[in-house]
Amino acid sequence: MELVAALGLTGVVLSLVSGPLAAGTPGPAEALARRIEQRHQRVADLTARFVQTYRSGLLSQELVERGVVSLKRPGRMLWEYREPEKKTFVSDGTTFYFYVPADHQVIVREQAGQRGIPALLLSGREDLLHDFDASLEPPPAPNVQRLRLTPKKADPEVERVFLDVDQADRIRAVRVRDAQGNESRFEFTDIRENVGLSDRIFHFEVPPGVEVVSG
């Protein structure tokens, strides 16, 4: 997968800031968005298995990748891809590193791109209704609700975000679509919350002999 897809289509963009609550009585979609926020704000850290499916709008190609994600507030995340190719995406809360051992290269950047969407949604850092309009989609499965989020300001990287939420208001899947028709879906299983993750796992040491490139 191209670097833009790898970096750009993975936990609500990092530049979003909290805003005031919407006035008046919220509708069903807005109420669900608030419950999602409140639910995940009680989670200090979590781990989960993920399956990421990336579909190119231009080439009509699909790539499926699997791995394990670890998240810890504030802003720390570790995506360990294990299939079909090993690669690592890690943030210490400030700097992001993308490492593919086969390329002998580490790309360093100060923003996570859309990979921050599932991470930040899961960690409950966002005020969704400040930057997104919310609406409900038909349920994809029994006991699951689907929330559609549309940016209030045009964003070429985020045209739509769809969240699949279980009965406990826990996010089980995130689907991100951009203006070019590219789409990435993350499905999460074996979610474990508040496990006491060490800060050390979010610190990346550049391996000897590996080229460092600013992204």
N, C-alpha and C. Protein backbone atom coordinates (compact mmCIF):
# COMPACT_ATOMS: atom_id res chain seq x y z
N MET A 1 0.84 -1.18 0.00
CA MET A 1 0.00 0.00 0.00
C MET A 1 0.88 1.24 0.00
N GLU A 2 0.45 2.24 -0.74
CA GLU A 2 1.22 3.48 -0.82
C GLU A 2 1.28 4.14 0.55
N LEU A 3 2.33 4.94 0.74
CA LEU A 3 2.53 5.58 2.03
C LEU A 3 1.35 6.46 2.41
N VAL A 4 0.80 7.20 1.43
CA VAL A 4 -0.33 8.07 1.75
C VAL A 4 -1.47 7.27 2.35
N ALA A 5 -1.73 6.10 1.78
CA ALA A 5 -2.80 5.27 2.31
C ALA A 5 -2.42 4.72 3.67
N ALA A 6 -1.17 4.30 3.82
CA ALA A 6 -0.75 3.70 5.08
C ALA A 6 -0.81 4.71 6.22
N LEU A 7 -0.36 5.94 5.93
CA LEU A 7 -0.36 6.95 6.97
C LEU A 7 -1.71 7.65 7.09
N GLY A 8 -2.37 7.80 5.95
CA GLY A 8 -3.56 8.64 5.95
C GLY A 8 -4.84 7.93 6.28
N LEU A 9 -4.92 6.61 6.08
CA LEU A 9 -6.19 5.91 6.26
C LEU A 9 -6.12 4.93 7.38
N THR A 10 -5.83 5.35 8.49
CA THR A 10 -5.83 4.51 9.69
C THR A 10 -6.66 5.12 10.75
N GLY A 11 -7.72 7.01 14.44
CA GLY A 11 -8.13 6.84 15.27
C GLY A 11 -8.44 7.82 15.18
N VAL A 12 -11.85 11.83 12.97
CA VAL A 12 -11.55 12.92 13.66
C VAL A 12 -10.03 13.20 13.62
N VAL A 13 -9.64 14.04 12.84
CA VAL A 13 -8.29 14.45 12.52
C VAL A 13 -7.66 15.08 13.74
N LEU A 14 -6.30 14.97 13.88
CA LEU A 14 -5.63 15.42 15.10
C LEU A 14 -5.82 16.91 15.35
N SER A 15 -6.08 17.67 14.29
CA SER A 15 -6.20 19.11 14.47
C SER A 15 -7.55 19.53 15.04
N LEU A 16 -8.50 18.60 15.21
CA LEU A 16 -9.80 18.96 15.76
C LEU A 16 -9.64 19.42 17.20
N VAL A 17 -10.44 20.38 17.57
CA VAL A 17 -10.41 20.87 18.95
C VAL A 17 -11.81 20.77 19.53
N SER A 18 -11.87 20.69 20.84
CA SER A 18 -13.15 20.57 21.50
C SER A 18 -13.94 21.85 21.36
N GLY A 19 -15.24 21.71 21.23
CA GLY A 19 -16.13 22.86 21.13
C GLY A 19 -17.28 22.72 22.09
N PRO A 20 -18.21 23.69 22.11
CA PRO A 20 -19.32 23.64 23.04
C PRO A 20 -20.34 22.58 22.64
N LEU A 21 -21.10 22.12 23.62
CA LEU A 21 -22.17 21.17 23.34
C LEU A 21 -23.26 21.84 22.53
N ALA A 22 -23.91 21.05 21.68
CA ALA A 22 -25.01 21.57 20.88
C ALA A 22 -26.15 21.98 21.80
N ALA A 23 -26.81 23.07 21.44
CA ALA A 23 -27.90 23.58 22.25
C ALA A 23 -29.15 22.75 22.02
N GLY A 24 -30.04 22.74 23.02
CA GLY A 24 -31.31 22.07 22.86
C GLY A 24 -31.22 20.58 23.08
N THR A 25 -32.35 19.91 22.91
CA THR A 25 -32.41 18.47 23.10
C THR A 25 -31.83 17.77 21.88
N PRO A 26 -30.85 16.90 22.07
CA PRO A 26 -30.23 16.25 20.91
C PRO A 26 -31.15 15.21 20.29
N GLY A 27 -31.02 15.03 18.98
CA GLY A 27 -31.74 13.97 18.30
C GLY A 27 -31.05 12.65 18.54
N PRO A 28 -31.58 11.55 17.97
CA PRO A 28 -30.99 10.22 18.20
C PRO A 28 -29.53 10.12 17.78
N ALA A 29 -29.18 10.70 16.64
CA ALA A 29 -27.79 10.61 16.18
C ALA A 29 -26.86 11.40 17.09
N GLU A 30 -27.28 12.61 17.48
CA GLU A 30 -26.46 13.42 18.36
C GLU A 30 -26.32 12.76 19.74
N ALA A 31 -27.41 12.15 20.21
CA ALA A 31 -27.36 11.48 21.50
C ALA A 31 -26.39 10.30 21.47
N LEU A 32 -26.38 9.56 20.35
CA LEU A 32 -25.44 8.45 20.22
C LEU A 32 -24.00 8.95 20.19
N ALA A 33 -23.75 10.05 19.48
CA ALA A 33 -22.40 10.62 19.44
C ALA A 33 -21.93 10.99 20.84
N ARG A 34 -22.82 11.57 21.64
CA ARG A 34 -22.45 11.95 23.00
C ARG A 34 -22.18 10.71 23.86
N ARG A 35 -22.96 9.67 23.68
CA ARG A 35 -22.74 8.46 24.47
C ARG A 35 -21.41 7.80 24.09
N ILE A 36 -21.07 7.84 22.81
CA ILE A 36 -19.79 7.29 22.38
C ILE A 36 -18.64 8.04 23.06
N GLU A 37 -18.73 9.37 23.06
CA GLU A 37 -17.69 10.16 23.71
C GLU A 37 -17.58 9.83 25.19
N GLN A 38 -18.71 9.82 25.86
CA GLN A 38 -18.71 9.57 27.30
C GLN A 38 -18.20 8.17 27.62
N ARG A 39 -18.58 7.21 26.79
CA ARG A 39 -18.14 5.82 27.01
C ARG A 39 -16.63 5.70 26.91
N HIS A 40 -16.05 6.30 25.87
CA HIS A 40 -14.62 6.11 25.64
C HIS A 40 -13.75 7.06 26.45
N GLN A 41 -14.35 8.11 27.01
CA GLN A 41 -13.59 8.96 27.92
C GLN A 41 -13.25 8.25 29.22
N ARG A 42 -13.94 7.17 29.51
CA ARG A 42 -13.65 6.41 30.72
C ARG A 42 -12.55 5.36 30.50
N VAL A 43 -12.03 5.32 29.28
CA VAL A 43 -11.01 4.33 28.94
C VAL A 43 -9.64 5.01 28.92
N ALA A 44 -8.76 4.61 29.81
CA ALA A 44 -7.41 5.19 29.86
C ALA A 44 -6.50 4.58 28.81
N ASP A 45 -6.68 3.30 28.53
CA ASP A 45 -5.90 2.64 27.48
C ASP A 45 -6.66 1.41 27.01
N LEU A 46 -6.25 0.89 25.88
CA LEU A 46 -6.89 -0.33 25.38
C LEU A 46 -5.98 -1.01 24.38
N THR A 47 -6.24 -2.30 24.18
CA THR A 47 -5.61 -3.06 23.11
C THR A 47 -6.72 -3.79 22.35
N ALA A 48 -6.46 -4.09 21.08
CA ALA A 48 -7.43 -4.81 20.27
C ALA A 48 -6.75 -5.39 19.05
N ARG A 49 -7.33 -6.43 18.52
CA ARG A 49 -6.94 -6.92 17.21
C ARG A 49 -7.71 -6.12 16.17
N PHE A 50 -7.07 -5.87 15.03
CA PHE A 50 -7.78 -5.14 13.99
C PHE A 50 -7.58 -5.80 12.63
N VAL A 51 -8.59 -5.60 11.79
CA VAL A 51 -8.50 -5.94 10.37
C VAL A 51 -8.77 -4.65 9.61
N GLN A 52 -7.82 -4.24 8.79
CA GLN A 52 -7.97 -3.03 7.99
C GLN A 52 -8.15 -3.43 6.53
N THR A 53 -9.22 -2.96 5.94
CA THR A 53 -9.48 -3.20 4.52
C THR A 53 -9.43 -1.88 3.78
N TYR A 54 -8.48 -1.77 2.88
CA TYR A 54 -8.32 -0.54 2.11
C TYR A 54 -8.74 -0.80 0.68
N ARG A 55 -9.61 0.07 0.16
CA ARG A 55 -10.09 -0.05 -1.22
C ARG A 55 -9.80 1.24 -1.96
N SER A 56 -9.06 1.15 -3.05
CA SER A 56 -8.72 2.31 -3.86
C SER A 56 -9.89 2.67 -4.77
N GLY A 57 -10.32 3.93 -4.71
CA GLY A 57 -11.40 4.37 -5.57
C GLY A 57 -11.01 4.46 -7.02
N LEU A 58 -9.73 4.74 -7.29
CA LEU A 58 -9.26 4.91 -8.66
C LEU A 58 -8.95 3.57 -9.32
N LEU A 59 -8.29 2.70 -8.58
CA LEU A 59 -7.82 1.44 -9.16
C LEU A 59 -8.75 0.26 -8.90
N SER A 60 -9.74 0.46 -8.04
CA SER A 60 -10.67 -0.61 -7.68
C SER A 60 -9.94 -1.84 -7.14
N GLN A 61 -8.88 -1.60 -6.40
CA GLN A 61 -8.12 -2.67 -5.77
C GLN A 61 -8.39 -2.68 -4.28
N GLU A 62 -8.25 -3.86 -3.67
CA GLU A 62 -8.51 -4.00 -2.25
C GLU A 62 -7.33 -4.68 -1.57
N LEU A 63 -6.96 -4.18 -0.41
CA LEU A 63 -5.89 -4.75 0.38
C LEU A 63 -6.39 -4.98 1.80
N VAL A 64 -6.17 -6.17 2.33
CA VAL A 64 -6.59 -6.51 3.68
C VAL A 64 -5.35 -6.75 4.53
N GLU A 65 -5.26 -6.06 5.66
CA GLU A 65 -4.14 -6.19 6.58
C GLU A 65 -4.66 -6.46 7.98
N ARG A 66 -3.84 -7.14 8.78
CA ARG A 66 -4.23 -7.52 10.14
C ARG A 66 -3.11 -7.22 11.12
N GLY A 67 -3.51 -6.95 12.35
CA GLY A 67 -2.51 -6.70 13.37
C GLY A 67 -3.14 -6.42 14.71
N VAL A 68 -2.35 -5.78 15.57
CA VAL A 68 -2.77 -5.45 16.93
C VAL A 68 -2.52 -3.96 17.17
N VAL A 69 -3.49 -3.29 17.78
CA VAL A 69 -3.35 -1.87 18.09
C VAL A 69 -3.38 -1.69 19.61
N SER A 70 -2.52 -0.78 20.10
CA SER A 70 -2.50 -0.39 21.51
C SER A 70 -2.65 1.12 21.57
N LEU A 71 -3.55 1.61 22.42
CA LEU A 71 -3.81 3.03 22.54
C LEU A 71 -3.75 3.45 24.01
N LYS A 72 -3.22 4.64 24.24
CA LYS A 72 -3.19 5.16 25.61
C LYS A 72 -3.34 6.67 25.56
N ARG A 73 -4.22 7.19 26.38
CA ARG A 73 -4.40 8.63 26.45
C ARG A 73 -3.23 9.26 27.20
N PRO A 74 -2.79 10.47 26.77
CA PRO A 74 -3.32 11.21 25.62
C PRO A 74 -2.48 10.98 24.36
N GLY A 75 -3.13 10.59 23.30
CA GLY A 75 -2.52 10.61 21.97
C GLY A 75 -1.47 9.57 21.65
N ARG A 76 -1.29 8.57 22.48
CA ARG A 76 -0.27 7.56 22.20
C ARG A 76 -0.91 6.36 21.53
N MET A 77 -0.23 5.84 20.50
CA MET A 77 -0.77 4.69 19.80
C MET A 77 0.33 3.88 19.15
N LEU A 78 0.05 2.58 19.03
CA LEU A 78 0.98 1.65 18.41
C LEU A 78 0.17 0.69 17.55
N TRP A 79 0.40 0.76 16.22
CA TRP A 79 -0.25 -0.14 15.28
C TRP A 79 0.83 -1.12 14.80
N GLU A 80 0.66 -2.38 15.14
CA GLU A 80 1.61 -3.42 14.74
C GLU A 80 0.96 -4.31 13.68
N TYR A 81 1.31 -4.05 12.43
CA TYR A 81 0.78 -4.85 11.32
C TYR A 81 1.58 -6.15 11.24
N ARG A 82 0.85 -7.26 11.14
CA ARG A 82 1.50 -8.57 11.12
C ARG A 82 1.26 -9.33 9.82
N GLU A 83 0.17 -9.04 9.13
CA GLU A 83 -0.15 -9.70 7.87
C GLU A 83 -0.70 -8.67 6.89
N PRO A 84 -0.39 -8.78 5.61
CA PRO A 84 0.55 -9.73 5.00
C PRO A 84 2.01 -9.31 5.11
N GLU A 85 2.24 -8.07 5.58
CA GLU A 85 3.60 -7.55 5.70
C GLU A 85 3.76 -6.92 7.07
N LYS A 86 4.90 -7.14 7.69
CA LYS A 86 5.17 -6.54 8.99
C LYS A 86 5.52 -5.06 8.82
N LYS A 87 4.87 -4.23 9.62
CA LYS A 87 5.21 -2.81 9.65
C LYS A 87 4.67 -2.23 10.95
N THR A 88 5.21 -1.08 11.33
CA THR A 88 4.88 -0.48 12.61
C THR A 88 4.56 0.99 12.43
N PHE A 89 3.49 1.44 13.08
CA PHE A 89 3.14 2.85 13.13
C PHE A 89 2.99 3.19 14.60
N VAL A 90 3.82 4.11 15.10
CA VAL A 90 3.81 4.39 16.54
C VAL A 90 3.88 5.89 16.78
N SER A 91 3.19 6.33 17.82
CA SER A 91 3.22 7.73 18.23
C SER A 91 3.41 7.81 19.73
N ASP A 92 4.29 8.71 20.14
CA ASP A 92 4.48 8.96 21.58
C ASP A 92 3.61 10.11 22.07
N GLY A 93 2.70 10.55 21.22
CA GLY A 93 1.83 11.68 21.55
C GLY A 93 2.23 12.96 20.87
N THR A 94 3.42 12.97 20.29
CA THR A 94 3.92 14.16 19.60
C THR A 94 4.42 13.83 18.20
N THR A 95 5.26 12.82 18.10
CA THR A 95 5.88 12.45 16.84
C THR A 95 5.41 11.07 16.41
N PHE A 96 5.24 10.91 15.09
CA PHE A 96 4.74 9.66 14.53
C PHE A 96 5.81 9.02 13.66
N TYR A 97 5.97 7.71 13.83
CA TYR A 97 6.97 6.96 13.09
C TYR A 97 6.29 5.84 12.32
N PHE A 98 6.64 5.71 11.05
CA PHE A 98 6.12 4.63 10.21
C PHE A 98 7.30 3.84 9.70
N TYR A 99 7.35 2.56 10.08
CA TYR A 99 8.52 1.72 9.79
C TYR A 99 8.10 0.43 9.11
N VAL A 100 8.66 0.21 7.92
CA VAL A 100 8.49 -1.05 7.21
C VAL A 100 9.87 -1.69 7.12
N PRO A 101 10.12 -2.77 7.86
CA PRO A 101 11.45 -3.37 7.87
C PRO A 101 11.99 -3.70 6.49
N ALA A 102 11.13 -4.14 5.59
CA ALA A 102 11.59 -4.53 4.26
C ALA A 102 12.12 -3.34 3.46
N ASP A 103 11.67 -2.12 3.81
CA ASP A 103 12.12 -0.92 3.10
C ASP A 103 13.38 -0.32 3.71
N HIS A 104 13.77 -0.77 4.90
CA HIS A 104 14.94 -0.21 5.60
C HIS A 104 14.82 1.30 5.74
N GLN A 105 13.61 1.75 6.09
CA GLN A 105 13.35 3.19 6.14
C GLN A 105 12.31 3.49 7.20
N VAL A 106 12.51 4.59 7.92
CA VAL A 106 11.54 5.10 8.89
C VAL A 106 11.09 6.48 8.43
N ILE A 107 9.80 6.66 8.32
CA ILE A 107 9.25 7.96 7.96
C ILE A 107 8.72 8.62 9.22
N VAL A 108 9.15 9.86 9.45
CA VAL A 108 8.81 10.59 10.66
C VAL A 108 7.97 11.81 10.27
N ARG A 109 6.88 12.00 10.98
CA ARG A 109 6.05 13.17 10.71
C ARG A 109 5.38 13.63 11.98
N GLU A 110 4.84 14.84 11.94
CA GLU A 110 4.23 15.42 13.13
C GLU A 110 2.72 15.29 13.15
N GLN A 111 2.13 14.65 12.14
CA GLN A 111 0.70 14.43 12.12
C GLN A 111 0.43 12.99 11.72
N ALA A 112 -0.69 12.46 12.23
CA ALA A 112 -1.02 11.07 11.96
C ALA A 112 -1.92 10.88 10.76
N GLY A 113 -2.49 11.98 10.22
CA GLY A 113 -3.45 11.81 9.15
C GLY A 113 -4.69 11.10 9.66
N GLN A 114 -5.40 10.42 8.77
CA GLN A 114 -6.65 9.79 9.15
C GLN A 114 -6.45 8.57 10.03
N ARG A 115 -5.23 8.06 10.13
CA ARG A 115 -5.00 6.97 11.07
C ARG A 115 -5.41 7.43 12.48
N GLY A 116 -5.33 8.77 12.73
CA GLY A 116 -5.76 9.28 14.02
C GLY A 116 -7.25 9.17 14.24
N ILE A 117 -8.04 8.95 13.19
CA ILE A 117 -9.48 8.90 13.36
C ILE A 117 -9.90 7.74 14.24
N PRO A 118 -9.60 6.49 13.90
CA PRO A 118 -10.00 5.43 14.81
C PRO A 118 -9.33 5.51 16.17
N ALA A 119 -8.07 5.93 16.20
CA ALA A 119 -7.37 6.01 17.47
C ALA A 119 -8.01 7.03 18.40
N LEU A 120 -8.31 8.20 17.88
CA LEU A 120 -8.86 9.25 18.73
C LEU A 120 -10.32 9.00 19.07
N LEU A 121 -11.05 8.40 18.16
CA LEU A 121 -12.41 8.03 18.50
C LEU A 121 -12.43 7.00 19.63
N LEU A 122 -11.56 6.01 19.52
CA LEU A 122 -11.51 4.98 20.55
C LEU A 122 -11.05 5.52 21.89
N SER A 123 -10.18 6.54 21.85
CA SER A 123 -9.67 7.09 23.10
C SER A 123 -10.55 8.20 23.66
N GLY A 124 -11.62 8.57 22.92
CA GLY A 124 -12.60 9.50 23.46
C GLY A 124 -12.11 10.91 23.64
N ARG A 125 -11.30 11.42 22.73
CA ARG A 125 -10.73 12.75 22.89
C ARG A 125 -11.50 13.83 22.15
N GLU A 126 -12.47 13.45 21.35
CA GLU A 126 -13.07 14.42 20.46
C GLU A 126 -14.45 14.90 20.90
N ASP A 127 -14.79 16.11 20.48
CA ASP A 127 -16.15 16.60 20.56
C ASP A 127 -16.70 16.46 19.14
N LEU A 128 -17.33 15.34 18.87
CA LEU A 128 -17.70 15.00 17.49
C LEU A 128 -18.61 16.05 16.86
N LEU A 129 -19.59 16.55 17.62
CA LEU A 129 -20.59 17.43 17.04
C LEU A 129 -20.07 18.84 16.79
N HIS A 130 -18.88 19.13 17.27
CA HIS A 130 -18.28 20.43 16.99
C HIS A 130 -17.81 20.49 15.55
N ASP A 131 -17.31 19.39 15.02
CA ASP A 131 -16.73 19.39 13.68
C ASP A 131 -17.48 18.52 12.68
N PHE A 132 -18.45 17.74 13.16
CA PHE A 132 -19.18 16.84 12.29
C PHE A 132 -20.68 16.98 12.47
N ASP A 133 -21.42 16.81 11.36
CA ASP A 133 -22.85 16.59 11.43
C ASP A 133 -23.08 15.09 11.55
N ALA A 134 -24.00 14.70 12.41
CA ALA A 134 -24.24 13.29 12.68
C ALA A 134 -25.62 12.87 12.19
N SER A 135 -25.69 11.65 11.66
CA SER A 135 -26.97 11.07 11.26
C SER A 135 -26.87 9.56 11.42
N LEU A 136 -28.01 8.90 11.53
CA LEU A 136 -28.03 7.46 11.68
C LEU A 136 -28.22 6.77 10.34
N GLU A 137 -27.51 5.66 10.15
CA GLU A 137 -27.64 4.81 8.98
C GLU A 137 -28.43 3.56 9.37
N PRO A 138 -28.94 2.81 8.40
CA PRO A 138 -29.59 1.54 8.74
C PRO A 138 -28.64 0.64 9.51
N PRO A 139 -29.11 -0.05 10.53
CA PRO A 139 -28.24 -0.94 11.32
C PRO A 139 -27.59 -2.01 10.45
N PRO A 140 -26.29 -2.22 10.56
CA PRO A 140 -25.62 -3.23 9.74
C PRO A 140 -25.80 -4.65 10.25
N ALA A 141 -26.22 -4.79 11.52
CA ALA A 141 -26.37 -6.11 12.14
C ALA A 141 -27.22 -5.95 13.39
N PRO A 142 -27.76 -7.04 13.91
CA PRO A 142 -28.52 -6.94 15.16
C PRO A 142 -27.65 -6.38 16.30
N ASN A 143 -28.26 -5.54 17.12
CA ASN A 143 -27.60 -4.96 18.30
C ASN A 143 -26.41 -4.06 17.94
N VAL A 144 -26.39 -3.56 16.73
CA VAL A 144 -25.33 -2.64 16.29
C VAL A 144 -25.99 -1.42 15.64
N GLN A 145 -25.51 -0.24 16.00
CA GLN A 145 -25.96 0.99 15.36
C GLN A 145 -24.84 1.54 14.49
N ARG A 146 -25.24 2.22 13.42
CA ARG A 146 -24.25 2.84 12.53
C ARG A 146 -24.48 4.35 12.52
N LEU A 147 -23.43 5.09 12.87
CA LEU A 147 -23.48 6.55 12.90
C LEU A 147 -22.65 7.10 11.75
N ARG A 148 -23.25 8.00 10.98
CA ARG A 148 -22.52 8.66 9.89
C ARG A 148 -22.11 10.06 10.34
N LEU A 149 -20.83 10.39 10.16
CA LEU A 149 -20.29 11.70 10.51
C LEU A 149 -19.81 12.38 9.24
N THR A 150 -20.30 13.60 9.01
CA THR A 150 -19.93 14.38 7.83
C THR A 150 -19.25 15.66 8.28
N PRO A 151 -18.01 15.92 7.83
CA PRO A 151 -17.32 17.14 8.27
C PRO A 151 -18.12 18.40 7.94
N LYS A 152 -18.16 19.32 8.88
CA LYS A 152 -18.85 20.58 8.63
C LYS A 152 -18.07 21.48 7.69
N LYS A 153 -16.74 21.27 7.62
CA LYS A 153 -15.89 21.98 6.67
C LYS A 153 -15.30 20.97 5.70
N ALA A 154 -15.23 21.36 4.43
CA ALA A 154 -14.72 20.45 3.41
C ALA A 154 -13.31 20.00 3.75
N ASP A 155 -13.06 18.71 3.62
CA ASP A 155 -11.76 18.12 3.93
C ASP A 155 -11.47 17.06 2.88
N PRO A 156 -10.43 17.22 2.05
CA PRO A 156 -10.16 16.23 1.00
C PRO A 156 -9.81 14.85 1.55
N GLU A 157 -9.36 14.77 2.80
CA GLU A 157 -8.98 13.49 3.38
C GLU A 157 -10.13 12.78 4.07
N VAL A 158 -11.17 13.53 4.42
CA VAL A 158 -12.30 12.93 5.13
C VAL A 158 -13.60 13.45 4.54
N GLU A 159 -14.26 12.62 3.76
CA GLU A 159 -15.57 12.99 3.22
C GLU A 159 -16.69 12.46 4.10
N ARG A 160 -16.54 11.22 4.58
CA ARG A 160 -17.51 10.60 5.47
C ARG A 160 -16.78 9.68 6.45
N VAL A 161 -17.31 9.57 7.65
CA VAL A 161 -16.86 8.59 8.62
C VAL A 161 -18.08 7.83 9.10
N PHE A 162 -17.99 6.51 9.11
CA PHE A 162 -19.08 5.67 9.59
C PHE A 162 -18.59 4.88 10.80
N LEU A 163 -19.36 4.91 11.88
CA LEU A 163 -19.00 4.19 13.09
C LEU A 163 -20.04 3.11 13.36
N ASP A 164 -19.60 1.89 13.57
CA ASP A 164 -20.48 0.82 14.02
C ASP A 164 -20.28 0.66 15.52
N VAL A 165 -21.37 0.75 16.27
CA VAL A 165 -21.32 0.84 17.72
C VAL A 165 -22.19 -0.26 18.33
N ASP A 166 -21.65 -0.96 19.33
CA ASP A 166 -22.42 -2.04 19.95
C ASP A 166 -23.33 -1.50 21.04
N GLN A 167 -24.01 -2.40 21.75
CA GLN A 167 -24.98 -1.99 22.75
C GLN A 167 -24.36 -1.28 23.95
N ALA A 168 -23.06 -1.46 24.14
CA ALA A 168 -22.36 -0.79 25.23
C ALA A 168 -21.76 0.54 24.77
N ASP A 169 -22.15 1.02 23.57
CA ASP A 169 -21.63 2.26 22.99
C ASP A 169 -20.13 2.17 22.72
N ARG A 170 -19.65 0.97 22.48
CA ARG A 170 -18.25 0.74 22.15
C ARG A 170 -18.10 0.65 20.64
N ILE A 171 -17.09 1.33 20.11
CA ILE A 171 -16.85 1.32 18.67
C ILE A 171 -16.28 -0.03 18.26
N ARG A 172 -16.95 -0.66 17.31
CA ARG A 172 -16.50 -1.96 16.80
C ARG A 172 -15.91 -1.87 15.40
N ALA A 173 -16.27 -0.81 14.67
CA ALA A 173 -15.73 -0.63 13.33
C ALA A 173 -15.75 0.84 12.97
N VAL A 174 -14.78 1.25 12.19
CA VAL A 174 -14.68 2.62 11.67
C VAL A 174 -14.42 2.53 10.18
N ARG A 175 -15.22 3.25 9.40
CA ARG A 175 -15.01 3.29 7.95
C ARG A 175 -14.81 4.74 7.54
N VAL A 176 -13.72 5.02 6.84
CA VAL A 176 -13.36 6.37 6.43
C VAL A 176 -13.34 6.44 4.91
N ARG A 177 -14.01 7.44 4.35
CA ARG A 177 -14.04 7.64 2.91
C ARG A 177 -13.53 9.04 2.61
N ASP A 178 -12.63 9.16 1.61
CA ASP A 178 -12.12 10.49 1.25
C ASP A 178 -12.75 10.97 -0.05
N ALA A 179 -12.38 12.19 -0.46
CA ALA A 179 -13.00 12.81 -1.63
C ALA A 179 -12.61 12.12 -2.93
N GLN A 180 -11.56 11.33 -2.93
CA GLN A 180 -11.12 10.62 -4.14
C GLN A 180 -11.79 9.24 -4.26
N GLY A 181 -12.65 8.92 -3.32
CA GLY A 181 -13.33 7.64 -3.36
C GLY A 181 -12.57 6.51 -2.70
N ASN A 182 -11.41 6.80 -2.11
CA ASN A 182 -10.68 5.78 -1.37
C ASN A 182 -11.39 5.50 -0.05
N GLU A 183 -11.36 4.27 0.37
CA GLU A 183 -12.07 3.90 1.59
C GLU A 183 -11.25 2.93 2.41
N SER A 184 -11.24 3.15 3.71
CA SER A 184 -10.55 2.24 4.61
C SER A 184 -11.49 1.89 5.76
N ARG A 185 -11.56 0.60 6.07
CA ARG A 185 -12.42 0.12 7.14
C ARG A 185 -11.58 -0.61 8.18
N PHE A 186 -11.81 -0.29 9.43
CA PHE A 186 -11.14 -0.95 10.54
C PHE A 186 -12.19 -1.70 11.36
N GLU A 187 -11.96 -2.97 11.56
CA GLU A 187 -12.82 -3.77 12.42
C GLU A 187 -12.00 -4.21 13.64
N PHE A 188 -12.58 -4.07 14.83
CA PHE A 188 -11.86 -4.34 16.07
C PHE A 188 -12.49 -5.50 16.82
N THR A 189 -11.64 -6.42 17.27
CA THR A 189 -12.09 -7.56 18.07
C THR A 189 -11.13 -7.72 19.25
N ASP A 190 -11.51 -8.57 20.19
CA ASP A 190 -10.68 -8.84 21.37
C ASP A 190 -10.26 -7.54 22.06
N ILE A 191 -11.20 -6.62 22.19
CA ILE A 191 -10.90 -5.33 22.82
C ILE A 191 -10.74 -5.52 24.33
N ARG A 192 -9.62 -5.03 24.86
CA ARG A 192 -9.37 -5.05 26.31
C ARG A 192 -9.08 -3.63 26.76
N GLU A 193 -9.79 -3.19 27.76
CA GLU A 193 -9.71 -1.80 28.21
C GLU A 193 -9.05 -1.69 29.58
N ASN A 194 -8.37 -0.53 29.77
CA ASN A 194 -7.77 -0.21 31.07
C ASN A 194 -6.89 -1.34 31.59
N VAL A 195 -5.94 -1.72 30.74
CA VAL A 195 -5.04 -2.83 31.08
C VAL A 195 -3.72 -2.35 31.69
N GLY A 196 -3.52 -1.04 31.76
CA GLY A 196 -2.30 -0.51 32.37
C GLY A 196 -1.09 -0.57 31.44
N LEU A 197 -1.25 -0.14 30.20
CA LEU A 197 -0.15 -0.18 29.24
C LEU A 197 1.00 0.71 29.68
N SER A 198 2.21 0.23 29.50
CA SER A 198 3.40 1.02 29.84
C SER A 198 3.68 2.06 28.76
N ASP A 199 4.16 3.24 29.17
CA ASP A 199 4.54 4.27 28.21
C ASP A 199 5.67 3.80 27.31
N ARG A 200 6.46 2.85 27.77
CA ARG A 200 7.63 2.41 27.01
C ARG A 200 7.29 1.85 25.64
N ILE A 201 6.11 1.24 25.51
CA ILE A 201 5.79 0.61 24.23
C ILE A 201 5.51 1.63 23.13
N PHE A 202 5.33 2.89 23.52
CA PHE A 202 5.05 3.95 22.54
C PHE A 202 6.31 4.75 22.19
N HIS A 203 7.44 4.28 22.66
CA HIS A 203 8.72 4.93 22.35
C HIS A 203 9.42 4.13 21.25
N PHE A 204 9.74 4.80 20.15
CA PHE A 204 10.32 4.10 19.00
C PHE A 204 11.81 4.40 18.90
N GLU A 205 12.60 3.36 18.83
CA GLU A 205 14.04 3.48 18.62
C GLU A 205 14.34 3.13 17.16
N VAL A 206 14.95 4.06 16.45
CA VAL A 206 15.29 3.81 15.04
C VAL A 206 16.36 2.73 14.96
N PRO A 207 16.09 1.64 14.25
CA PRO A 207 17.08 0.56 14.15
C PRO A 207 18.36 1.04 13.46
N PRO A 208 19.51 0.48 13.81
CA PRO A 208 20.78 0.85 13.16
C PRO A 208 20.73 0.58 11.66
N GLY A 209 21.30 1.53 10.90
CA GLY A 209 21.39 1.36 9.46
C GLY A 209 20.13 1.65 8.69
N VAL A 210 19.09 2.14 9.37
CA VAL A 210 17.81 2.44 8.72
C VAL A 210 17.76 3.93 8.38
N GLU A 211 17.35 4.24 7.16
CA GLU A 211 17.24 5.63 6.71
C GLU A 211 16.04 6.30 7.38
N VAL A 212 16.23 7.54 7.82
CA VAL A 212 15.17 8.33 8.43
C VAL A 212 14.76 9.43 7.45
N VAL A 213 13.46 9.47 7.13
CA VAL A 213 12.92 10.42 6.16
C VAL A 213 11.81 11.21 6.82
N SER A 214 11.82 12.52 6.67
CA SER A 214 10.74 13.35 7.19
C SER A 214 9.56 13.29 6.24
N GLY A 215 8.38 12.95 6.78
CA GLY A 215 7.20 12.79 5.96
C GLY A 215 6.43 14.09 5.80
